[in-house]
Amino acid sequence: MTYLYETIPAHEGDEVKRCEIQQSKNDASLTKHPETGDPIRRAILGG
């Protein structure tokens, strides 16, 4: 599955960046971007 993640801003006003990451549905949510190491969270999108 492809999940949408977003960076967690370190400071108020920092830009939030979004990225798509391929994972199994059984994998736990990531807390750090696999390439940059930036803190991330899985984005929840409304339908």
N, C-alpha and C. Protein backbone atom coordinates (compact mmCIF):
# COMPACT_ATOMS: atom_id res chain seq x y z
N MET A 1 0.83 -1.17 0.00
CA MET A 1 0.00 0.00 0.00
C MET A 1 0.88 1.24 0.00
N THR A 2 0.34 2.32 -0.49
CA THR A 2 1.03 3.59 -0.46
C THR A 2 0.37 4.47 0.60
N TYR A 3 1.20 4.97 1.51
CA TYR A 3 0.70 5.84 2.58
C TYR A 3 1.28 7.23 2.40
N LEU A 4 0.48 8.23 2.78
CA LEU A 4 0.93 9.60 2.74
C LEU A 4 1.46 9.97 4.12
N TYR A 5 2.67 10.50 4.15
CA TYR A 5 3.29 10.96 5.38
C TYR A 5 3.57 12.44 5.25
N GLU A 6 3.67 13.11 6.41
CA GLU A 6 4.02 14.53 6.42
C GLU A 6 5.06 14.77 7.50
N THR A 7 5.93 15.75 7.25
CA THR A 7 6.94 16.09 8.23
C THR A 7 6.30 16.78 9.42
N ILE A 8 6.94 16.65 10.56
CA ILE A 8 6.50 17.33 11.77
C ILE A 8 7.38 18.56 11.93
N PRO A 9 6.80 19.75 11.81
CA PRO A 9 7.61 20.97 11.88
C PRO A 9 8.29 21.12 13.23
N ALA A 10 9.57 21.53 13.20
CA ALA A 10 10.32 21.75 14.43
C ALA A 10 9.92 23.07 15.09
N HIS A 11 9.54 24.04 14.25
CA HIS A 11 9.19 25.37 14.75
C HIS A 11 7.91 25.83 14.08
N GLU A 12 7.16 26.66 14.79
CA GLU A 12 5.95 27.23 14.22
C GLU A 12 6.31 28.00 12.95
N GLY A 13 5.56 27.78 11.90
CA GLY A 13 5.81 28.44 10.63
C GLY A 13 6.67 27.63 9.67
N ASP A 14 7.30 26.53 10.15
CA ASP A 14 8.08 25.67 9.26
C ASP A 14 7.15 25.00 8.26
N GLU A 15 7.65 24.81 7.05
CA GLU A 15 6.86 24.18 5.99
C GLU A 15 6.66 22.69 6.28
N VAL A 16 5.44 22.22 6.09
CA VAL A 16 5.14 20.79 6.20
C VAL A 16 5.31 20.19 4.81
N LYS A 17 6.14 19.16 4.71
CA LYS A 17 6.37 18.48 3.43
C LYS A 17 5.65 17.14 3.46
N ARG A 18 5.10 16.75 2.33
CA ARG A 18 4.38 15.47 2.24
C ARG A 18 5.10 14.55 1.28
N CYS A 19 5.01 13.25 1.56
CA CYS A 19 5.61 12.26 0.67
C CYS A 19 4.79 10.97 0.75
N GLU A 20 4.87 10.19 -0.30
CA GLU A 20 4.21 8.89 -0.34
C GLU A 20 5.25 7.81 -0.12
N ILE A 21 4.94 6.85 0.75
CA ILE A 21 5.87 5.78 1.07
C ILE A 21 5.13 4.45 0.96
N GLN A 22 5.74 3.51 0.25
CA GLN A 22 5.19 2.16 0.08
C GLN A 22 5.48 1.34 1.34
N GLN A 23 4.43 0.74 1.90
CA GLN A 23 4.55 -0.12 3.07
C GLN A 23 3.51 -1.22 3.00
N SER A 24 3.79 -2.31 3.69
CA SER A 24 2.78 -3.34 3.88
C SER A 24 1.75 -2.81 4.88
N LYS A 25 0.51 -3.24 4.75
CA LYS A 25 -0.50 -2.78 5.70
C LYS A 25 -0.22 -3.30 7.11
N ASN A 26 0.65 -4.30 7.24
CA ASN A 26 1.01 -4.84 8.56
C ASN A 26 2.17 -4.09 9.20
N ASP A 27 2.85 -3.21 8.44
CA ASP A 27 3.98 -2.46 8.97
C ASP A 27 3.50 -1.35 9.91
N ALA A 28 4.27 -1.09 10.93
CA ALA A 28 3.95 0.01 11.84
C ALA A 28 4.20 1.34 11.13
N SER A 29 3.51 2.38 11.57
CA SER A 29 3.72 3.71 11.02
C SER A 29 5.16 4.15 11.26
N LEU A 30 5.72 4.86 10.30
CA LEU A 30 7.08 5.37 10.44
C LEU A 30 7.09 6.61 11.31
N THR A 31 8.20 6.84 11.99
CA THR A 31 8.37 8.05 12.79
C THR A 31 9.48 8.93 12.23
N LYS A 32 10.32 8.36 11.35
CA LYS A 32 11.40 9.10 10.69
C LYS A 32 11.41 8.76 9.22
N HIS A 33 11.67 9.77 8.39
CA HIS A 33 11.74 9.56 6.95
C HIS A 33 12.92 8.62 6.67
N PRO A 34 12.72 7.57 5.87
CA PRO A 34 13.78 6.59 5.64
C PRO A 34 15.01 7.14 4.94
N GLU A 35 14.89 8.23 4.20
CA GLU A 35 16.04 8.80 3.48
C GLU A 35 16.66 9.99 4.20
N THR A 36 15.83 10.86 4.77
CA THR A 36 16.34 12.09 5.37
C THR A 36 16.48 12.03 6.88
N GLY A 37 15.73 11.14 7.53
CA GLY A 37 15.75 11.06 8.98
C GLY A 37 14.88 12.09 9.67
N ASP A 38 14.18 12.93 8.87
CA ASP A 38 13.28 13.94 9.44
C ASP A 38 12.13 13.26 10.16
N PRO A 39 11.65 13.85 11.27
CA PRO A 39 10.48 13.27 11.95
C PRO A 39 9.24 13.40 11.07
N ILE A 40 8.48 12.30 10.95
CA ILE A 40 7.27 12.28 10.12
C ILE A 40 6.14 11.59 10.87
N ARG A 41 4.94 11.79 10.35
CA ARG A 41 3.75 11.09 10.85
C ARG A 41 2.88 10.74 9.65
N ARG A 42 2.11 9.67 9.81
CA ARG A 42 1.20 9.29 8.75
C ARG A 42 0.05 10.28 8.69
N ALA A 43 -0.25 10.77 7.53
CA ALA A 43 -1.32 11.76 7.35
C ALA A 43 -2.66 11.04 7.27
N ILE A 44 -3.65 11.61 7.90
CA ILE A 44 -5.02 11.09 7.85
C ILE A 44 -5.80 11.98 6.90
N LEU A 45 -6.34 11.39 5.86
CA LEU A 45 -7.08 12.15 4.85
C LEU A 45 -8.56 11.84 4.97
N GLY A 46 -9.38 12.86 4.83
CA GLY A 46 -10.82 12.69 4.86
C GLY A 46 -11.33 12.24 3.51
N GLY A 47 -12.44 11.57 3.48
CA GLY A 47 -12.95 11.06 2.23
C GLY A 47 -14.01 11.82 1.70
